[in-house]
Amino acid sequence: MSVDDFDCDDDFRSDSFRRARIQHICYACRETIRPGDRYHHYVCKSDGGFTTTAHCLRCWAICKALWQNGAEAIDMSLNCGHTWEEAEHSDGKPPPPEVARLAFLTRDEAQKELACPT
């Protein structure tokens, strides 16, 4: 997995699922991650210090689906123009319905439907 947004030191990267104790803003969709919501937390060390991001479950599921489809690197803000069709294993085909529907899940639906470790 590679992250386009950050020039991270390969010796220090950490990602985990957490339950929000305070409000966060999703790095990709900019929606509020409410206290009590599950979210994905990512931190890495770079030349300028530490970079930390929070992704709602929906946006993290989209990032994960892109990586699993063969994208070597993606923009963690999901705003770089990389599309499913450009990923290595898609053969130019659109995303399958189960991936396409991720973009339309509400926060509450994502909290119920998207699996993440407790």
C-alpha atoms as a PDB file:
ATOM      1  CA  MET A   1       0.000   0.000   0.000  1.00  0.00           C
ATOM      2  CA  SER A   2       1.312   3.421  -0.899  1.00  0.00           C
ATOM      3  CA  VAL A   3      -0.047   6.806  -0.008  1.00  0.00           C
ATOM      4  CA  ASP A   4       0.358   9.666  -2.485  1.00  0.00           C
ATOM      5  CA  ASP A   5      -0.445  12.493  -0.072  1.00  0.00           C
ATOM      6  CA  PHE A   6       2.425  11.953   2.339  1.00  0.00           C
ATOM      7  CA  ASP A   7       6.160  11.393   2.032  1.00  0.00           C
ATOM      8  CA  CYS A   8       6.303   8.918   4.898  1.00  0.00           C
ATOM      9  CA  ASP A   9       9.197   7.148   6.501  1.00  0.00           C
ATOM     10  CA  ASP A  10       8.692   3.442   5.845  1.00  0.00           C
ATOM     11  CA  ASP A  11       9.982   2.695   9.351  1.00  0.00           C
ATOM     12  CA  PHE A  12       7.065   4.416  11.040  1.00  0.00           C
ATOM     13  CA  ARG A  13       3.537   3.942   9.782  1.00  0.00           C
ATOM     14  CA  SER A  14       0.565   2.904  11.815  1.00  0.00           C
ATOM     15  CA  ASP A  15      -3.045   2.380  10.950  1.00  0.00           C
ATOM     16  CA  SER A  16      -5.878   1.161  13.114  1.00  0.00           C
ATOM     17  CA  PHE A  17      -9.599   1.344  13.663  1.00  0.00           C
ATOM     18  CA  ARG A  18     -10.770   3.390  16.605  1.00  0.00           C
ATOM     19  CA  ARG A  19     -13.962   4.541  18.237  1.00  0.00           C
ATOM     20  CA  ALA A  20     -14.122   8.335  18.290  1.00  0.00           C
ATOM     21  CA  ARG A  21     -14.087   9.944  21.711  1.00  0.00           C
ATOM     22  CA  ILE A  22     -14.208  13.419  20.197  1.00  0.00           C
ATOM     23  CA  GLN A  23     -15.427  14.782  16.875  1.00  0.00           C
ATOM     24  CA  HIS A  24     -13.103  14.347  13.879  1.00  0.00           C
ATOM     25  CA  ILE A  25     -13.391  15.354  10.235  1.00  0.00           C
ATOM     26  CA  CYS A  26     -12.920  12.686   7.558  1.00  0.00           C
ATOM     27  CA  TYR A  27      -9.814  13.466   5.521  1.00  0.00           C
ATOM     28  CA  ALA A  28     -11.559  12.471   2.276  1.00  0.00           C
ATOM     29  CA  CYS A  29     -15.250  13.426   2.365  1.00  0.00           C
ATOM     30  CA  ARG A  30     -14.904  16.117   5.068  1.00  0.00           C
ATOM     31  CA  GLU A  31     -17.975  14.787   6.906  1.00  0.00           C
ATOM     32  CA  THR A  32     -18.027  14.754  10.670  1.00  0.00           C
ATOM     33  CA  ILE A  33     -16.938  11.598  12.460  1.00  0.00           C
ATOM     34  CA  ARG A  34     -19.125  11.754  15.541  1.00  0.00           C
ATOM     35  CA  PRO A  35     -18.154  10.682  19.053  1.00  0.00           C
ATOM     36  CA  GLY A  36     -18.959   6.974  19.268  1.00  0.00           C
ATOM     37  CA  ASP A  37     -18.434   6.331  15.533  1.00  0.00           C
ATOM     38  CA  ARG A  38     -15.844   3.824  14.377  1.00  0.00           C
ATOM     39  CA  TYR A  39     -13.215   5.305  12.044  1.00  0.00           C
ATOM     40  CA  HIS A  40      -9.818   4.536  10.543  1.00  0.00           C
ATOM     41  CA  HIS A  41      -6.795   6.295  12.066  1.00  0.00           C
ATOM     42  CA  TYR A  42      -3.535   6.596  10.109  1.00  0.00           C
ATOM     43  CA  VAL A  43      -0.266   8.112  11.287  1.00  0.00           C
ATOM     44  CA  CYS A  44       3.153   8.264   9.686  1.00  0.00           C
ATOM     45  CA  LYS A  45       6.463   9.975  10.312  1.00  0.00           C
ATOM     46  CA  SER A  46       7.866  12.215   7.606  1.00  0.00           C
ATOM     47  CA  ASP A  47      10.593  14.836   7.323  1.00  0.00           C
ATOM     48  CA  GLY A  48       8.239  17.495   8.636  1.00  0.00           C
ATOM     49  CA  GLY A  49       7.110  15.509  11.690  1.00  0.00           C
ATOM     50  CA  PHE A  50       4.054  13.331  12.035  1.00  0.00           C
ATOM     51  CA  THR A  51       1.038  13.200   9.749  1.00  0.00           C
ATOM     52  CA  THR A  52      -2.236  11.909  11.143  1.00  0.00           C
ATOM     53  CA  THR A  53      -5.496  11.367   9.297  1.00  0.00           C
ATOM     54  CA  ALA A  54      -8.938  10.086  10.172  1.00  0.00           C
ATOM     55  CA  HIS A  55     -11.225   8.456   7.590  1.00  0.00           C
ATOM     56  CA  CYS A  56     -14.856   7.563   8.044  1.00  0.00           C
ATOM     57  CA  LEU A  57     -15.569   3.883   7.427  1.00  0.00           C
ATOM     58  CA  ARG A  58     -17.107   4.595   4.029  1.00  0.00           C
ATOM     59  CA  CYS A  59     -14.072   6.468   2.679  1.00  0.00           C
ATOM     60  CA  TRP A  60     -11.665   3.939   4.159  1.00  0.00           C
ATOM     61  CA  ALA A  61     -13.608   1.125   2.464  1.00  0.00           C
ATOM     62  CA  ILE A  62     -13.233   2.956  -0.859  1.00  0.00           C
ATOM     63  CA  CYS A  63      -9.463   3.398  -0.307  1.00  0.00           C
ATOM     64  CA  LYS A  64      -9.132  -0.280   0.590  1.00  0.00           C
ATOM     65  CA  ALA A  65     -11.154  -1.357  -2.469  1.00  0.00           C
ATOM     66  CA  LEU A  66      -8.861   0.692  -4.735  1.00  0.00           C
ATOM     67  CA  TRP A  67      -5.743  -0.920  -3.235  1.00  0.00           C
ATOM     68  CA  GLN A  68      -7.257  -4.380  -3.526  1.00  0.00           C
ATOM     69  CA  ASN A  69      -8.046  -3.658  -7.174  1.00  0.00           C
ATOM     70  CA  GLY A  70      -4.385  -3.033  -7.900  1.00  0.00           C
ATOM     71  CA  ALA A  71      -3.872   0.692  -7.399  1.00  0.00           C
ATOM     72  CA  GLU A  72      -0.251   1.048  -6.298  1.00  0.00           C
ATOM     73  CA  ALA A  73      -0.800   4.480  -4.808  1.00  0.00           C
ATOM     74  CA  ILE A  74      -3.885   6.558  -4.198  1.00  0.00           C
ATOM     75  CA  ASP A  75      -4.617  10.047  -2.986  1.00  0.00           C
ATOM     76  CA  MET A  76      -5.900   9.609   0.561  1.00  0.00           C
ATOM     77  CA  SER A  77      -8.307  12.496   0.013  1.00  0.00           C
ATOM     78  CA  LEU A  78      -9.910  10.499  -2.843  1.00  0.00           C
ATOM     79  CA  ASN A  79      -9.757  13.689  -4.892  1.00  0.00           C
ATOM     80  CA  CYS A  80      -6.926  13.021  -7.294  1.00  0.00           C
ATOM     81  CA  GLY A  81      -8.894  11.781 -10.260  1.00  0.00           C
ATOM     82  CA  HIS A  82      -7.725   8.182  -9.920  1.00  0.00           C
ATOM     83  CA  THR A  83     -10.606   6.033 -10.920  1.00  0.00           C
ATOM     84  CA  TRP A  84     -11.467   2.400 -10.541  1.00  0.00           C
ATOM     85  CA  GLU A  85     -10.992   1.952 -14.279  1.00  0.00           C
ATOM     86  CA  GLU A  86      -7.352   3.097 -13.991  1.00  0.00           C
ATOM     87  CA  ALA A  87      -6.429   0.509 -11.359  1.00  0.00           C
ATOM     88  CA  GLU A  88      -4.220  -2.310 -12.589  1.00  0.00           C
ATOM     89  CA  HIS A  89      -6.697  -5.189 -12.273  1.00  0.00           C
ATOM     90  CA  SER A  90      -9.871  -3.484 -13.518  1.00  0.00           C
ATOM     91  CA  ASP A  91      -9.221  -3.925 -17.251  1.00  0.00           C
ATOM     92  CA  GLY A  92     -10.974  -0.590 -17.778  1.00  0.00           C
ATOM     93  CA  LYS A  93     -14.240  -1.855 -16.331  1.00  0.00           C
ATOM     94  CA  PRO A  94     -16.366   0.154 -13.879  1.00  0.00           C
ATOM     95  CA  PRO A  95     -16.401  -0.879 -10.212  1.00  0.00           C
ATOM     96  CA  PRO A  96     -18.617  -3.771  -9.199  1.00  0.00           C
ATOM     97  CA  PRO A  97     -21.949  -2.745  -7.618  1.00  0.00           C
ATOM     98  CA  GLU A  98     -20.782  -3.560  -4.077  1.00  0.00           C
ATOM     99  CA  VAL A  99     -17.935  -1.057  -4.457  1.00  0.00           C
ATOM    100  CA  ALA A 100     -19.911   1.591  -6.353  1.00  0.00           C
ATOM    101  CA  ARG A 101     -22.583   1.670  -3.640  1.00  0.00           C
ATOM    102  CA  LEU A 102     -20.016   2.632  -0.987  1.00  0.00           C
ATOM    103  CA  ALA A 103     -20.083   6.227  -2.222  1.00  0.00           C
ATOM    104  CA  PHE A 104     -23.782   6.479  -1.404  1.00  0.00           C
ATOM    105  CA  LEU A 105     -23.870   5.011   2.102  1.00  0.00           C
ATOM    106  CA  THR A 106     -24.903   7.378   4.865  1.00  0.00           C
ATOM    107  CA  ARG A 107     -22.750   7.624   7.977  1.00  0.00           C
ATOM    108  CA  ASP A 108     -25.197   5.495   9.938  1.00  0.00           C
ATOM    109  CA  GLU A 109     -25.370   2.849   7.205  1.00  0.00           C
ATOM    110  CA  ALA A 110     -21.577   2.729   7.032  1.00  0.00           C
ATOM    111  CA  GLN A 111     -21.330   2.281  10.802  1.00  0.00           C
ATOM    112  CA  LYS A 112     -23.722  -0.689  10.618  1.00  0.00           C
ATOM    113  CA  GLU A 113     -22.515  -2.342   7.424  1.00  0.00           C
ATOM    114  CA  LEU A 114     -18.774  -1.918   7.139  1.00  0.00           C
ATOM    115  CA  ALA A 115     -16.772  -4.387   9.131  1.00  0.00           C
ATOM    116  CA  CYS A 116     -13.847  -3.228  11.170  1.00  0.00           C
ATOM    117  CA  PRO A 117     -12.105  -4.698  14.172  1.00  0.00           C
ATOM    118  CA  THR A 118     -13.539  -3.694  17.532  1.00  0.00           C
END
